[in-house]
Amino acid sequence: MSYRYIGNKTRLLPILLDSFSKVVKDGATVADIMCGTASVSEALRTSEYRVIASDMMTFAAHHARVRLLLSEEPKFGKIGLKGYASVLTHLNQLKLRKGVFFKEYSPDGNPENGGEPRKYFSGENAGRIDAITAQLNQWQVDETISETENSLLRHDLVLASNRVANIAGTYGHHRSKWGTSALASLELRPATLLAGHRTDHTVHQGQAETVAPLIEADLCYIDPPYMKRQYAANYHIIETIARGDSPEAVGVSGLRPWRDQYSDFCSKVKIRDAFRTIFKSAQCGQFMISYSEDGLLTEEQLMELFSEFGTVSLQKIPFARFRSNAGGQGGTVMEYLFHIKR
């Protein structure tokens, strides 16, 4: 699944899975409570662990349901169309609508706040997003699609939108000039579903500190934000697509109101108590935490904090920086993988 996402752990998966296998048995329950695009959760599933995934972002919950709960295409039996492929064809052929995306996030729109038109999507693609969203919303109101079917189609729409978004990295702002991919037509494509693996997994949505009391697992993996950049602000566009709502578009960038999804892990003042809440609430004997030398807390500060809760070991993994982050501290960054055993 191609995705522009801060802190994506795809490159670390072999190391993570090897580390997990050394501390829990085959088939153990592993929680991934800040799952993001669910790449780690999916890798855990393919390794035959039972997974409890969660994230505060709606789009992340959709991705997790698709990557954990499905092993074959849903029937979509209540819609009156013949299966998944027919549903995608229907959605791709809908007449364009001039909804919130056309109005607020395309150059052909007219932002409510009186600002200049934004260039996140072409007028055509914004109209496609509005049309598909309206149809999905109607199916939800009519109760003709299940939660998992809804997540699959929203997942597909987020990925289709990502492919044609006129952005450089995140959705903090759009490009001033049009990239080649942004001028292509948005098209829903069928998701690749994992066949032949267990589906007895659980997906929650909410702040990790809130979800922690619900977690009972052999190991809890935590991959928090490292920096002050808030995910809810940087991914506001796809959060709106995932929710299917029509929020106020604030400021030059058209940010949705996002303070309800503020993460204390992006605050140097609040991060320690956020960690403590999870460690105290989750019913887990072991934790693994990914972090970075670029993060808000130093290696020494993290060791001191984590030592409050058990025996701590640390694995350091040198990694080449992403090209967009090149420079600064040089060509590599040290990734940390802490292990806490109570």
Protein backbone atom coordinates (compact mmCIF):
# COMPACT_ATOMS: atom_id res chain seq x y z
CA MET A 1 0.00 0.00 0.00
CA SER A 2 1.76 3.14 -1.22
CA TYR A 3 1.37 5.93 1.31
CA ARG A 4 2.97 9.24 2.23
CA TYR A 5 2.92 8.94 6.01
CA ILE A 6 5.21 10.39 8.68
CA GLY A 7 7.02 7.68 10.63
CA ASN A 8 5.81 4.74 8.53
CA LYS A 9 7.52 1.59 9.82
CA THR A 10 7.59 -0.43 6.58
CA ARG A 11 11.39 -0.34 6.38
CA LEU A 12 11.68 -1.56 9.98
CA LEU A 13 9.30 -4.51 9.68
CA PRO A 14 11.91 -7.31 9.47
CA ILE A 15 13.69 -6.01 12.57
CA LEU A 16 10.43 -5.48 14.46
CA LEU A 17 9.10 -8.95 13.69
CA ASP A 18 12.40 -10.55 14.68
CA SER A 19 12.35 -8.62 17.96
CA PHE A 20 8.74 -9.57 18.68
CA SER A 21 9.46 -13.26 18.03
CA LYS A 22 12.19 -13.24 20.66
CA VAL A 23 9.90 -12.14 23.49
CA VAL A 24 6.50 -13.73 22.77
CA LYS A 25 5.38 -17.16 21.58
CA ASP A 26 3.85 -18.03 18.22
CA GLY A 27 0.19 -17.07 18.08
CA ALA A 28 0.51 -14.58 20.95
CA THR A 29 -1.69 -11.50 21.21
CA VAL A 30 0.15 -8.32 20.24
CA ALA A 31 -1.35 -4.83 20.52
CA ASP A 32 -0.40 -2.10 18.06
CA ILE A 33 -2.03 0.90 19.72
CA MET A 34 -0.80 3.68 17.44
CA CYS A 35 -1.14 1.69 14.25
CA GLY A 36 -1.18 4.46 11.63
CA THR A 37 -1.57 2.86 8.22
CA ALA A 38 -1.50 -0.56 9.94
CA SER A 39 1.63 -1.82 8.18
CA VAL A 40 2.94 -3.33 11.43
CA SER A 41 -0.49 -4.76 12.27
CA GLU A 42 -0.69 -6.42 8.87
CA ALA A 43 2.81 -7.88 9.27
CA LEU A 44 1.78 -9.26 12.66
CA ARG A 45 -1.27 -10.85 11.07
CA THR A 46 0.80 -12.52 8.35
CA SER A 47 3.06 -13.87 11.11
CA GLU A 48 -0.06 -15.45 12.69
CA TYR A 49 -0.21 -13.32 15.81
CA ARG A 50 -3.59 -12.17 17.11
CA VAL A 51 -3.64 -8.39 16.76
CA ILE A 52 -5.35 -5.61 18.70
CA ALA A 53 -4.94 -2.45 16.63
CA SER A 54 -6.02 1.09 17.41
CA ASP A 55 -5.41 4.68 16.39
CA MET A 56 -7.09 8.01 17.04
CA MET A 57 -7.45 8.81 13.32
CA THR A 58 -10.54 7.62 11.45
CA PHE A 59 -8.63 6.82 8.26
CA ALA A 60 -6.22 4.65 10.29
CA ALA A 61 -9.11 2.65 11.73
CA HIS A 62 -10.43 2.05 8.19
CA HIS A 63 -7.00 0.84 7.04
CA ALA A 64 -6.67 -1.44 10.07
CA ARG A 65 -10.06 -3.08 9.48
CA VAL A 66 -9.17 -3.78 5.85
CA ARG A 67 -5.72 -5.14 6.68
CA LEU A 68 -6.82 -7.25 9.66
CA LEU A 69 -10.47 -8.28 9.34
CA LEU A 70 -10.86 -9.19 5.68
CA SER A 71 -9.63 -12.33 3.94
CA GLU A 72 -12.01 -12.19 0.98
CA GLU A 73 -14.11 -9.60 -0.80
CA PRO A 74 -17.33 -8.68 1.05
CA LYS A 75 -20.56 -9.58 -0.72
CA PHE A 76 -22.18 -6.12 -0.54
CA GLY A 77 -25.44 -8.06 -0.63
CA LYS A 78 -27.81 -5.24 0.38
CA ILE A 79 -26.77 -2.70 -2.27
CA GLY A 80 -28.20 -4.48 -5.29
CA LEU A 81 -24.91 -4.61 -7.17
CA LYS A 82 -23.06 -7.82 -7.98
CA GLY A 83 -20.08 -7.78 -5.67
CA TYR A 84 -17.06 -5.61 -4.90
CA ALA A 85 -15.98 -5.00 -8.51
CA SER A 86 -19.45 -3.81 -9.49
CA VAL A 87 -19.58 -1.48 -6.48
CA LEU A 88 -16.27 0.12 -7.48
CA THR A 89 -17.44 0.49 -11.08
CA HIS A 90 -20.65 2.15 -9.88
CA LEU A 91 -18.72 4.59 -7.66
CA ASN A 92 -16.20 5.42 -10.39
CA GLN A 93 -19.01 6.27 -12.80
CA LEU A 94 -20.99 8.60 -10.53
CA LYS A 95 -21.81 12.08 -11.79
CA LEU A 96 -19.54 14.72 -10.29
CA ARG A 97 -20.86 16.73 -7.33
CA LYS A 98 -19.91 20.19 -6.13
CA GLY A 99 -19.61 19.48 -2.42
CA VAL A 100 -17.12 20.41 0.29
CA PHE A 101 -14.07 19.18 -1.64
CA PHE A 102 -14.98 21.01 -4.82
CA LYS A 103 -15.76 24.16 -2.88
CA GLU A 104 -12.89 24.17 -0.38
CA TYR A 105 -10.04 22.14 -1.90
CA SER A 106 -10.09 22.70 -5.67
CA PRO A 107 -9.08 25.70 -7.82
CA ASP A 108 -12.61 25.82 -9.22
CA GLY A 109 -14.12 26.30 -5.77
CA ASN A 110 -14.97 29.28 -3.63
CA PRO A 111 -13.81 28.83 0.00
CA GLU A 112 -16.34 29.76 2.66
CA ASN A 113 -13.81 31.96 4.48
CA GLY A 114 -13.35 34.15 1.39
CA GLY A 115 -9.74 33.05 0.84
CA GLU A 116 -8.05 32.11 -2.40
CA PRO A 117 -9.13 28.80 -3.99
CA ARG A 118 -6.95 25.90 -2.85
CA LYS A 119 -5.17 23.40 -5.11
CA TYR A 120 -5.26 20.11 -3.22
CA PHE A 121 -7.22 18.41 -6.02
CA SER A 122 -8.26 19.26 -9.55
CA GLY A 123 -11.87 20.36 -9.90
CA GLU A 124 -12.74 17.03 -11.52
CA ASN A 125 -11.12 14.94 -8.80
CA ALA A 126 -12.65 17.04 -6.02
CA GLY A 127 -16.05 16.49 -7.63
CA ARG A 128 -15.38 12.75 -7.72
CA ILE A 129 -14.48 12.68 -4.04
CA ASP A 130 -17.71 14.57 -3.25
CA ALA A 131 -19.82 12.21 -5.37
CA ILE A 132 -18.35 9.01 -3.93
CA THR A 133 -18.55 10.37 -0.38
CA ALA A 134 -22.22 11.28 -0.83
CA GLN A 135 -23.00 7.77 -2.06
CA LEU A 136 -21.14 6.09 0.81
CA ASN A 137 -22.87 8.35 3.32
CA GLN A 138 -26.26 7.45 1.84
CA TRP A 139 -25.50 3.74 2.00
CA GLN A 140 -24.57 4.18 5.66
CA VAL A 141 -27.80 6.04 6.42
CA ASP A 142 -29.77 3.34 4.62
CA GLU A 143 -27.80 0.64 6.49
CA THR A 144 -27.07 -1.16 3.24
CA ILE A 145 -23.34 -1.56 3.98
CA SER A 146 -21.70 -3.05 7.06
CA GLU A 147 -18.97 -1.36 9.10
CA THR A 148 -16.31 -3.46 7.38
CA GLU A 149 -17.73 -2.81 3.91
CA ASN A 150 -17.81 0.91 4.68
CA SER A 151 -14.19 0.81 5.89
CA LEU A 152 -13.09 -0.99 2.74
CA LEU A 153 -14.65 1.62 0.44
CA ARG A 154 -13.40 4.57 2.52
CA HIS A 155 -9.95 2.93 2.53
CA ASP A 156 -10.10 2.70 -1.26
CA LEU A 157 -11.17 6.34 -1.54
CA VAL A 158 -8.35 7.55 0.72
CA LEU A 159 -5.78 5.67 -1.37
CA ALA A 160 -7.29 6.91 -4.63
CA SER A 161 -7.23 10.47 -3.31
CA ASN A 162 -3.61 10.09 -2.18
CA ARG A 163 -2.58 9.11 -5.69
CA VAL A 164 -3.90 12.37 -7.17
CA ALA A 165 -3.33 14.79 -4.28
CA ASN A 166 -1.36 17.91 -5.22
CA ILE A 167 0.94 17.80 -2.21
CA ALA A 168 4.68 17.51 -1.59
CA GLY A 169 4.53 15.24 1.47
CA THR A 170 1.75 15.71 3.98
CA TYR A 171 -1.51 17.65 3.70
CA GLY A 172 -0.23 20.64 5.68
CA HIS A 173 -0.50 22.64 2.46
CA HIS A 174 -0.93 22.07 -1.27
CA ARG A 175 1.60 22.72 -4.01
CA SER A 176 1.41 26.02 -5.85
CA LYS A 177 1.97 24.25 -9.19
CA TRP A 178 0.33 21.08 -10.40
CA GLY A 179 2.26 17.81 -10.25
CA THR A 180 1.77 15.29 -13.05
CA SER A 181 0.02 12.74 -10.84
CA ALA A 182 -2.42 15.39 -9.57
CA LEU A 183 -3.74 15.89 -13.10
CA ALA A 184 -4.64 12.21 -13.54
CA SER A 185 -8.24 11.14 -12.92
CA LEU A 186 -9.14 9.75 -9.52
CA GLU A 187 -10.08 6.08 -9.75
CA LEU A 188 -11.02 3.60 -7.06
CA ARG A 189 -9.03 0.39 -7.37
CA PRO A 190 -9.71 -2.92 -5.62
CA ALA A 191 -7.75 -3.42 -2.42
CA THR A 192 -5.40 -6.36 -2.09
CA LEU A 193 -6.84 -8.50 0.69
CA LEU A 194 -4.89 -11.00 2.78
CA ALA A 195 -6.19 -14.52 2.24
CA GLY A 196 -5.29 -17.53 4.36
CA HIS A 197 -4.65 -15.76 7.67
CA ARG A 198 -6.64 -15.54 10.89
CA THR A 199 -9.26 -12.80 11.21
CA ASP A 200 -9.95 -12.91 14.97
CA HIS A 201 -8.42 -9.48 15.44
CA THR A 202 -9.78 -6.36 17.12
CA VAL A 203 -9.74 -2.75 15.90
CA HIS A 204 -10.39 0.22 18.19
CA GLN A 205 -10.43 3.92 17.45
CA GLY A 206 -9.35 6.47 20.04
CA GLN A 207 -6.43 8.04 21.86
CA ALA A 208 -3.92 5.40 22.97
CA GLU A 209 -4.28 6.56 26.57
CA THR A 210 -8.06 6.05 26.35
CA VAL A 211 -7.88 2.68 24.61
CA ALA A 212 -5.16 1.29 26.92
CA PRO A 213 -7.59 0.02 29.62
CA LEU A 214 -9.23 -2.15 26.94
CA ILE A 215 -5.92 -3.79 26.01
CA GLU A 216 -5.10 -7.27 27.30
CA ALA A 217 -2.16 -8.66 25.37
CA ASP A 218 1.13 -10.53 25.67
CA LEU A 219 3.00 -7.60 24.14
CA CYS A 220 2.06 -4.00 23.44
CA TYR A 221 3.91 -2.18 20.64
CA ILE A 222 3.88 1.62 20.81
CA ASP A 223 4.97 3.81 17.89
CA PRO A 224 4.23 7.36 19.06
CA PRO A 225 4.83 10.63 17.23
CA TYR A 226 8.43 11.74 17.78
CA MET A 227 8.09 15.44 17.01
CA LYS A 228 5.77 18.39 17.64
CA ARG A 229 4.01 17.92 14.28
CA GLN A 230 0.45 16.82 14.93
CA TYR A 231 -0.85 14.02 12.70
CA ALA A 232 -4.40 15.37 12.88
CA ALA A 233 -3.29 18.65 11.29
CA ASN A 234 -0.94 17.11 8.75
CA TYR A 235 -3.56 14.61 7.52
CA HIS A 236 -6.72 16.70 7.86
CA ILE A 237 -7.77 16.13 4.24
CA ILE A 238 -7.82 12.33 4.38
CA GLU A 239 -9.41 12.44 7.83
CA THR A 240 -12.31 14.36 6.25
CA ILE A 241 -12.47 11.82 3.42
CA ALA A 242 -12.46 8.97 5.95
CA ARG A 243 -15.21 10.55 8.06
CA GLY A 244 -17.33 11.69 5.14
CA ASP A 245 -18.28 14.90 6.92
CA SER A 246 -18.22 18.57 5.94
CA PRO A 247 -16.18 20.46 8.54
CA GLU A 248 -15.33 24.15 8.51
CA ALA A 249 -12.17 24.70 6.43
CA VAL A 250 -10.00 27.06 8.48
CA GLY A 251 -7.20 29.33 7.30
CA VAL A 252 -5.14 29.34 4.13
CA SER A 253 -4.67 25.56 4.20
CA GLY A 254 -8.32 24.79 4.93
CA LEU A 255 -7.60 22.81 8.13
CA ARG A 256 -10.54 20.97 9.67
CA PRO A 257 -10.99 21.61 13.42
CA TRP A 258 -8.64 18.97 14.80
CA ARG A 259 -7.98 19.76 18.45
CA ASP A 260 -10.13 16.79 19.50
CA GLN A 261 -7.37 14.63 18.03
CA TYR A 262 -4.45 16.48 19.62
CA SER A 263 -1.71 14.07 20.74
CA ASP A 264 0.08 14.63 24.05
CA PHE A 265 2.99 12.68 22.55
CA CYS A 266 3.74 15.78 20.48
CA SER A 267 4.24 17.83 23.66
CA LYS A 268 7.51 17.81 25.59
CA VAL A 269 5.53 18.74 28.70
CA LYS A 270 2.82 16.07 28.41
CA ILE A 271 4.57 13.11 26.78
CA ARG A 272 5.83 11.46 29.97
CA ASP A 273 2.40 11.35 31.60
CA ALA A 274 0.90 10.05 28.35
CA PHE A 275 3.34 7.12 28.39
CA ARG A 276 2.68 6.52 32.09
CA THR A 277 -1.07 6.35 31.52
CA ILE A 278 -0.63 3.60 28.92
CA PHE A 279 1.81 1.58 31.01
CA LYS A 280 -0.44 1.76 34.07
CA SER A 281 -3.69 0.99 32.21
CA ALA A 282 -2.83 -1.72 29.68
CA GLN A 283 -2.86 -5.33 30.86
CA CYS A 284 0.46 -6.27 29.29
CA GLY A 285 3.57 -7.82 30.75
CA GLN A 286 5.80 -6.44 28.03
CA PHE A 287 6.05 -3.31 25.90
CA MET A 288 8.11 -2.40 22.88
CA ILE A 289 8.44 1.25 21.95
CA SER A 290 9.82 2.70 18.73
CA TYR A 291 11.44 6.11 18.99
CA SER A 292 14.05 8.21 17.23
CA GLU A 293 17.12 10.20 18.17
CA ASP A 294 15.33 13.12 16.48
CA GLY A 295 12.46 12.87 18.99
CA LEU A 296 11.34 15.19 21.76
CA LEU A 297 12.95 13.04 24.48
CA THR A 298 16.56 11.87 24.55
CA GLU A 299 17.69 8.27 24.94
CA GLU A 300 18.62 8.98 28.57
CA GLN A 301 15.27 10.59 29.35
CA LEU A 302 13.40 7.66 27.84
CA MET A 303 15.48 5.10 29.76
CA GLU A 304 14.77 6.95 33.00
CA LEU A 305 11.03 7.08 32.27
CA PHE A 306 10.66 3.48 31.10
CA SER A 307 12.69 2.15 34.05
CA GLU A 308 9.81 3.19 36.32
CA PHE A 309 7.83 0.27 34.90
CA GLY A 310 10.25 -2.63 34.59
CA THR A 311 13.52 -3.88 33.17
CA VAL A 312 14.48 -1.95 30.05
CA SER A 313 16.70 -2.96 27.14
CA LEU A 314 17.48 -0.92 24.05
CA GLN A 315 18.25 -1.83 20.46
CA LYS A 316 19.68 0.93 18.24
CA ILE A 317 19.06 0.72 14.52
CA PRO A 318 20.87 3.09 12.11
CA PHE A 319 18.72 4.05 9.15
CA ALA A 320 19.21 6.24 6.09
CA ARG A 321 17.06 9.33 6.34
CA PHE A 322 14.26 9.88 3.86
CA ARG A 323 15.48 12.10 1.07
CA SER A 324 13.12 14.92 2.08
CA ASN A 325 14.82 15.00 5.48
CA ALA A 326 18.39 14.82 4.20
CA GLY A 327 20.89 17.16 5.77
CA GLY A 328 20.68 18.52 9.28
CA GLN A 329 22.28 15.78 11.33
CA GLY A 330 23.72 13.92 8.36
CA GLY A 331 22.63 11.01 6.18
CA THR A 332 21.51 8.57 8.88
CA VAL A 333 19.21 8.62 11.87
CA MET A 334 19.28 6.27 14.86
CA GLU A 335 16.02 4.48 15.47
CA TYR A 336 15.48 3.17 18.99
CA LEU A 337 13.54 0.05 19.94
CA PHE A 338 12.99 -0.14 23.70
CA HIS A 339 11.77 -3.30 25.43
CA ILE A 340 10.15 -3.11 28.85
CA LYS A 341 9.55 -6.28 30.84
CA ARG A 342 7.57 -5.77 34.03
